Amino acid sequence: MFASFWRTDDGRTPAERAEAFGIDLSLIEENLRLTPEQRMDRNQDAINLIDSLKEGMS
């Protein structure tokens, strides 16, 4: 199963192999377009949401 993913002599790029294997690269590409500060802000927003949800459950 993984042998075809790691194979490098098939003429495909790593991204093409990942997509053929079923990996969705769109979220990675979207996040890499952001600055490090923007990614940290999104991460903090997610942490704040989780904290709010935890408070709501107690």
PDB file of N, CA and C in Angstrom:
ATOM      1  N   MET A   1       0.824  -1.192   0.000  1.00  0.00           N
ATOM      2  CA  MET A   1       0.000   0.000   0.000  1.00  0.00           C
ATOM      3  C   MET A   1       0.866   1.253   0.000  1.00  0.00           C
ATOM      4  N   PHE A   2       1.791   1.351   0.951  1.00  0.00           N
ATOM      5  CA  PHE A   2       2.637   2.539   1.022  1.00  0.00           C
ATOM      6  C   PHE A   2       3.755   2.516  -0.018  1.00  0.00           C
ATOM      7  N   ALA A   3       4.056   1.354  -0.557  1.00  0.00           N
ATOM      8  CA  ALA A   3       5.146   1.253  -1.529  1.00  0.00           C
ATOM      9  C   ALA A   3       4.895   2.164  -2.725  1.00  0.00           C
ATOM     10  N   SER A   4       3.664   2.231  -3.200  1.00  0.00           N
ATOM     11  CA  SER A   4       3.374   3.091  -4.344  1.00  0.00           C
ATOM     12  C   SER A   4       3.445   4.568  -3.971  1.00  0.00           C
ATOM     13  N   PHE A   5       3.179   4.883  -2.717  1.00  0.00           N
ATOM     14  CA  PHE A   5       3.251   6.278  -2.274  1.00  0.00           C
ATOM     15  C   PHE A   5       4.699   6.757  -2.224  1.00  0.00           C
ATOM     16  N   TRP A   6       5.590   5.924  -1.717  1.00  0.00           N
ATOM     17  CA  TRP A   6       6.989   6.317  -1.556  1.00  0.00           C
ATOM     18  C   TRP A   6       7.816   6.144  -2.813  1.00  0.00           C
ATOM     19  N   ARG A   7       7.268   5.510  -3.810  1.00  0.00           N
ATOM     20  CA  ARG A   7       7.993   5.271  -5.054  1.00  0.00           C
ATOM     21  C   ARG A   7       8.322   6.605  -5.721  1.00  0.00           C
ATOM     22  N   THR A   8       9.557   6.785  -6.153  1.00  0.00           N
ATOM     23  CA  THR A   8       9.964   8.067  -6.747  1.00  0.00           C
ATOM     24  C   THR A   8      10.314   7.950  -8.216  1.00  0.00           C
ATOM     25  N   ASP A   9      10.197   6.765  -8.800  1.00  0.00           N
ATOM     26  CA  ASP A   9      10.558   6.584 -10.205  1.00  0.00           C
ATOM     27  C   ASP A   9       9.337   6.493 -11.120  1.00  0.00           C
ATOM     28  N   ASP A  10       8.221   7.024 -10.662  1.00  0.00           N
ATOM     29  CA  ASP A  10       6.991   6.923 -11.451  1.00  0.00           C
ATOM     30  C   ASP A  10       6.726   8.167 -12.292  1.00  0.00           C
ATOM     31  N   GLY A  11       7.614   9.142 -12.248  1.00  0.00           N
ATOM     32  CA  GLY A  11       7.455  10.344 -13.058  1.00  0.00           C
ATOM     33  C   GLY A  11       6.506  11.376 -12.494  1.00  0.00           C
ATOM     34  N   ARG A  12       5.968  11.117 -11.307  1.00  0.00           N
ATOM     35  CA  ARG A  12       5.046  12.078 -10.696  1.00  0.00           C
ATOM     36  C   ARG A  12       5.770  12.901  -9.633  1.00  0.00           C
ATOM     37  N   THR A  13       5.235  14.081  -9.388  1.00  0.00           N
ATOM     38  CA  THR A  13       5.771  14.927  -8.323  1.00  0.00           C
ATOM     39  C   THR A  13       5.272  14.399  -6.985  1.00  0.00           C
ATOM     40  N   PRO A  14       5.908  14.791  -5.885  1.00  0.00           N
ATOM     41  CA  PRO A  14       5.402  14.380  -4.573  1.00  0.00           C
ATOM     42  C   PRO A  14       3.945  14.798  -4.357  1.00  0.00           C
ATOM     43  N   ALA A  15       3.582  15.983  -4.819  1.00  0.00           N
ATOM     44  CA  ALA A  15       2.198  16.440  -4.657  1.00  0.00           C
ATOM     45  C   ALA A  15       1.237  15.559  -5.454  1.00  0.00           C
ATOM     46  N   GLU A  16       1.625  15.189  -6.669  1.00  0.00           N
ATOM     47  CA  GLU A  16       0.770  14.315  -7.479  1.00  0.00           C
ATOM     48  C   GLU A  16       0.619  12.944  -6.825  1.00  0.00           C
ATOM     49  N   ARG A  17       1.702  12.415  -6.267  1.00  0.00           N
ATOM     50  CA  ARG A  17       1.618  11.120  -5.586  1.00  0.00           C
ATOM     51  C   ARG A  17       0.723  11.215  -4.356  1.00  0.00           C
ATOM     52  N   ALA A  18       0.853  12.312  -3.603  1.00  0.00           N
ATOM     53  CA  ALA A  18       0.022  12.489  -2.405  1.00  0.00           C
ATOM     54  C   ALA A  18      -1.454  12.537  -2.785  1.00  0.00           C
ATOM     55  N   GLU A  19      -1.782  13.297  -3.824  1.00  0.00           N
ATOM     56  CA  GLU A  19      -3.179  13.390  -4.255  1.00  0.00           C
ATOM     57  C   GLU A  19      -3.690  12.047  -4.759  1.00  0.00           C
ATOM     58  N   ALA A  20      -2.867  11.311  -5.497  1.00  0.00           N
ATOM     59  CA  ALA A  20      -3.273  10.000  -5.991  1.00  0.00           C
ATOM     60  C   ALA A  20      -3.496   9.027  -4.824  1.00  0.00           C
ATOM     61  N   PHE A  21      -2.779   9.239  -3.743  1.00  0.00           N
ATOM     62  CA  PHE A  21      -2.901   8.394  -2.558  1.00  0.00           C
ATOM     63  C   PHE A  21      -4.119   8.771  -1.719  1.00  0.00           C
ATOM     64  N   GLY A  22      -4.736   9.922  -2.039  1.00  0.00           N
ATOM     65  CA  GLY A  22      -5.944  10.343  -1.343  1.00  0.00           C
ATOM     66  C   GLY A  22      -5.727  11.440  -0.318  1.00  0.00           C
ATOM     67  N   ILE A  23      -4.560  12.073  -0.351  1.00  0.00           N
ATOM     68  CA  ILE A  23      -4.272  13.151   0.598  1.00  0.00           C
ATOM     69  C   ILE A  23      -4.730  14.475   0.003  1.00  0.00           C
ATOM     70  N   ASP A  24      -5.529  15.215   0.752  1.00  0.00           N
ATOM     71  CA  ASP A  24      -6.031  16.519   0.305  1.00  0.00           C
ATOM     72  C   ASP A  24      -5.026  17.580   0.722  1.00  0.00           C
ATOM     73  N   LEU A  25      -4.363  18.173  -0.246  1.00  0.00           N
ATOM     74  CA  LEU A  25      -3.334  19.175   0.035  1.00  0.00           C
ATOM     75  C   LEU A  25      -3.885  20.598   0.102  1.00  0.00           C
ATOM     76  N   SER A  26      -5.176  20.774  -0.138  1.00  0.00           N
ATOM     77  CA  SER A  26      -5.731  22.127  -0.226  1.00  0.00           C
ATOM     78  C   SER A  26      -5.603  22.906   1.086  1.00  0.00           C
ATOM     79  N   LEU A  27      -5.816  22.248   2.230  1.00  0.00           N
ATOM     80  CA  LEU A  27      -5.699  22.962   3.502  1.00  0.00           C
ATOM     81  C   LEU A  27      -4.254  23.355   3.790  1.00  0.00           C
ATOM     82  N   ILE A  28      -3.323  22.475   3.446  1.00  0.00           N
ATOM     83  CA  ILE A  28      -1.908  22.795   3.628  1.00  0.00           C
ATOM     84  C   ILE A  28      -1.535  23.984   2.752  1.00  0.00           C
ATOM     85  N   GLU A  29      -1.958  23.936   1.488  1.00  0.00           N
ATOM     86  CA  GLU A  29      -1.656  25.047   0.574  1.00  0.00           C
ATOM     87  C   GLU A  29      -2.264  26.356   1.075  1.00  0.00           C
ATOM     88  N   GLU A  30      -3.505  26.284   1.554  1.00  0.00           N
ATOM     89  CA  GLU A  30      -4.183  27.481   2.063  1.00  0.00           C
ATOM     90  C   GLU A  30      -3.430  28.063   3.255  1.00  0.00           C
ATOM     91  N   ASN A  31      -3.019  27.206   4.181  1.00  0.00           N
ATOM     92  CA  ASN A  31      -2.310  27.689   5.358  1.00  0.00           C
ATOM     93  C   ASN A  31      -0.926  28.226   5.033  1.00  0.00           C
ATOM     94  N   LEU A  32      -0.274  27.670   4.033  1.00  0.00           N
ATOM     95  CA  LEU A  32       1.059  28.148   3.673  1.00  0.00           C
ATOM     96  C   LEU A  32       1.014  29.517   2.992  1.00  0.00           C
ATOM     97  N   ARG A  33      -0.164  29.903   2.512  1.00  0.00           N
ATOM     98  CA  ARG A  33      -0.312  31.249   1.939  1.00  0.00           C
ATOM     99  C   ARG A  33      -0.364  32.324   3.031  1.00  0.00           C
ATOM    100  N   LEU A  34      -0.658  31.901   4.258  1.00  0.00           N
ATOM    101  CA  LEU A  34      -0.747  32.837   5.379  1.00  0.00           C
ATOM    102  C   LEU A  34       0.641  33.128   5.942  1.00  0.00           C
ATOM    103  N   THR A  35       0.761  34.268   6.580  1.00  0.00           N
ATOM    104  CA  THR A  35       2.007  34.586   7.279  1.00  0.00           C
ATOM    105  C   THR A  35       2.055  33.760   8.563  1.00  0.00           C
ATOM    106  N   PRO A  36       3.240  33.587   9.137  1.00  0.00           N
ATOM    107  CA  PRO A  36       3.309  32.876  10.416  1.00  0.00           C
ATOM    108  C   PRO A  36       2.410  33.511  11.479  1.00  0.00           C
ATOM    109  N   GLU A  37       2.345  34.830  11.500  1.00  0.00           N
ATOM    110  CA  GLU A  37       1.491  35.509  12.482  1.00  0.00           C
ATOM    111  C   GLU A  37       0.015  35.160  12.250  1.00  0.00           C
ATOM    112  N   GLN A  38      -0.408  35.127  11.000  1.00  0.00           N
ATOM    113  CA  GLN A  38      -1.797  34.775  10.699  1.00  0.00           C
ATOM    114  C   GLN A  38      -2.092  33.335  11.120  1.00  0.00           C
ATOM    115  N   ARG A  39      -1.154  32.432  10.895  1.00  0.00           N
ATOM    116  CA  ARG A  39      -1.351  31.037  11.313  1.00  0.00           C
ATOM    117  C   ARG A  39      -1.434  30.943  12.827  1.00  0.00           C
ATOM    118  N   MET A  40      -0.607  31.702  13.534  1.00  0.00           N
ATOM    119  CA  MET A  40      -0.659  31.696  15.002  1.00  0.00           C
ATOM    120  C   MET A  40      -1.986  32.257  15.492  1.00  0.00           C
ATOM    121  N   ASP A  41      -2.485  33.297  14.833  1.00  0.00           N
ATOM    122  CA  ASP A  41      -3.788  33.871  15.207  1.00  0.00           C
ATOM    123  C   ASP A  41      -4.914  32.850  15.021  1.00  0.00           C
ATOM    124  N   ARG A  42      -4.874  32.118  13.914  1.00  0.00           N
ATOM    125  CA  ARG A  42      -5.895  31.095  13.678  1.00  0.00           C
ATOM    126  C   ARG A  42      -5.810  29.999  14.732  1.00  0.00           C
ATOM    127  N   ASN A  43      -4.598  29.630  15.069  1.00  0.00           N
ATOM    128  CA  ASN A  43      -4.414  28.607  16.092  1.00  0.00           C
ATOM    129  C   ASN A  43      -4.978  29.089  17.431  1.00  0.00           C
ATOM    130  N   GLN A  44      -4.700  30.323  17.790  1.00  0.00           N
ATOM    131  CA  GLN A  44      -5.204  30.872  19.043  1.00  0.00           C
ATOM    132  C   GLN A  44      -6.724  30.940  19.031  1.00  0.00           C
ATOM    133  N   ASP A  45      -7.301  31.301  17.884  1.00  0.00           N
ATOM    134  CA  ASP A  45      -8.768  31.314  17.759  1.00  0.00           C
ATOM    135  C   ASP A  45      -9.345  29.921  18.026  1.00  0.00           C
ATOM    136  N   ALA A  46      -8.684  28.897  17.480  1.00  0.00           N
ATOM    137  CA  ALA A  46      -9.152  27.520  17.693  1.00  0.00           C
ATOM    138  C   ALA A  46      -9.042  27.136  19.162  1.00  0.00           C
ATOM    139  N   ILE A  47      -7.958  27.518  19.812  1.00  0.00           N
ATOM    140  CA  ILE A  47      -7.777  27.232  21.240  1.00  0.00           C
ATOM    141  C   ILE A  47      -8.851  27.930  22.062  1.00  0.00           C
ATOM    142  N   ASN A  48      -9.120  29.185  21.727  1.00  0.00           N
ATOM    143  CA  ASN A  48     -10.159  29.937  22.448  1.00  0.00           C
ATOM    144  C   ASN A  48     -11.528  29.285  22.272  1.00  0.00           C
ATOM    145  N   LEU A  49     -11.827  28.799  21.079  1.00  0.00           N
ATOM    146  CA  LEU A  49     -13.101  28.125  20.836  1.00  0.00           C
ATOM    147  C   LEU A  49     -13.199  26.861  21.677  1.00  0.00           C
ATOM    148  N   ILE A  50     -12.142  26.080  21.694  1.00  0.00           N
ATOM    149  CA  ILE A  50     -12.141  24.851  22.497  1.00  0.00           C
ATOM    150  C   ILE A  50     -12.344  25.171  23.970  1.00  0.00           C
ATOM    151  N   ASP A  51     -11.658  26.198  24.463  1.00  0.00           N
ATOM    152  CA  ASP A  51     -11.826  26.591  25.867  1.00  0.00           C
ATOM    153  C   ASP A  51     -13.265  27.007  26.151  1.00  0.00           C
ATOM    154  N   SER A  52     -13.871  27.741  25.233  1.00  0.00           N
ATOM    155  CA  SER A  52     -15.266  28.165  25.418  1.00  0.00           C
ATOM    156  C   SER A  52     -16.198  26.963  25.439  1.00  0.00           C
ATOM    157  N   LEU A  53     -15.961  26.006  24.566  1.00  0.00           N
ATOM    158  CA  LEU A  53     -16.802  24.816  24.529  1.00  0.00           C
ATOM    159  C   LEU A  53     -16.649  23.998  25.809  1.00  0.00           C
ATOM    160  N   LYS A  54     -15.416  23.902  26.304  1.00  0.00           N
ATOM    161  CA  LYS A  54     -15.196  23.181  27.556  1.00  0.00           C
ATOM    162  C   LYS A  54     -15.921  23.853  28.712  1.00  0.00           C
ATOM    163  N   GLU A  55     -15.878  25.189  28.768  1.00  0.00           N
ATOM    164  CA  GLU A  55     -16.564  25.924  29.836  1.00  0.00           C
ATOM    165  C   GLU A  55     -18.071  25.702  29.745  1.00  0.00           C
ATOM    166  N   GLY A  56     -18.584  25.635  28.526  1.00  0.00           N
ATOM    167  CA  GLY A  56     -20.019  25.425  28.342  1.00  0.00           C
ATOM    168  C   GLY A  56     -20.487  24.047  28.760  1.00  0.00           C
ATOM    169  N   MET A  57     -19.571  23.090  28.777  1.00  0.00           N
ATOM    170  CA  MET A  57     -19.939  21.721  29.147  1.00  0.00           C
ATOM    171  C   MET A  57     -19.868  21.504  30.653  1.00  0.00           C
ATOM    172  N   SER A  58     -19.245  22.415  31.388  1.00  0.00           N
ATOM    173  CA  SER A  58     -19.111  22.190  32.831  1.00  0.00           C
ATOM    174  C   SER A  58     -20.127  22.963  33.626  1.00  0.00           C
TER     175      SER A  58
END
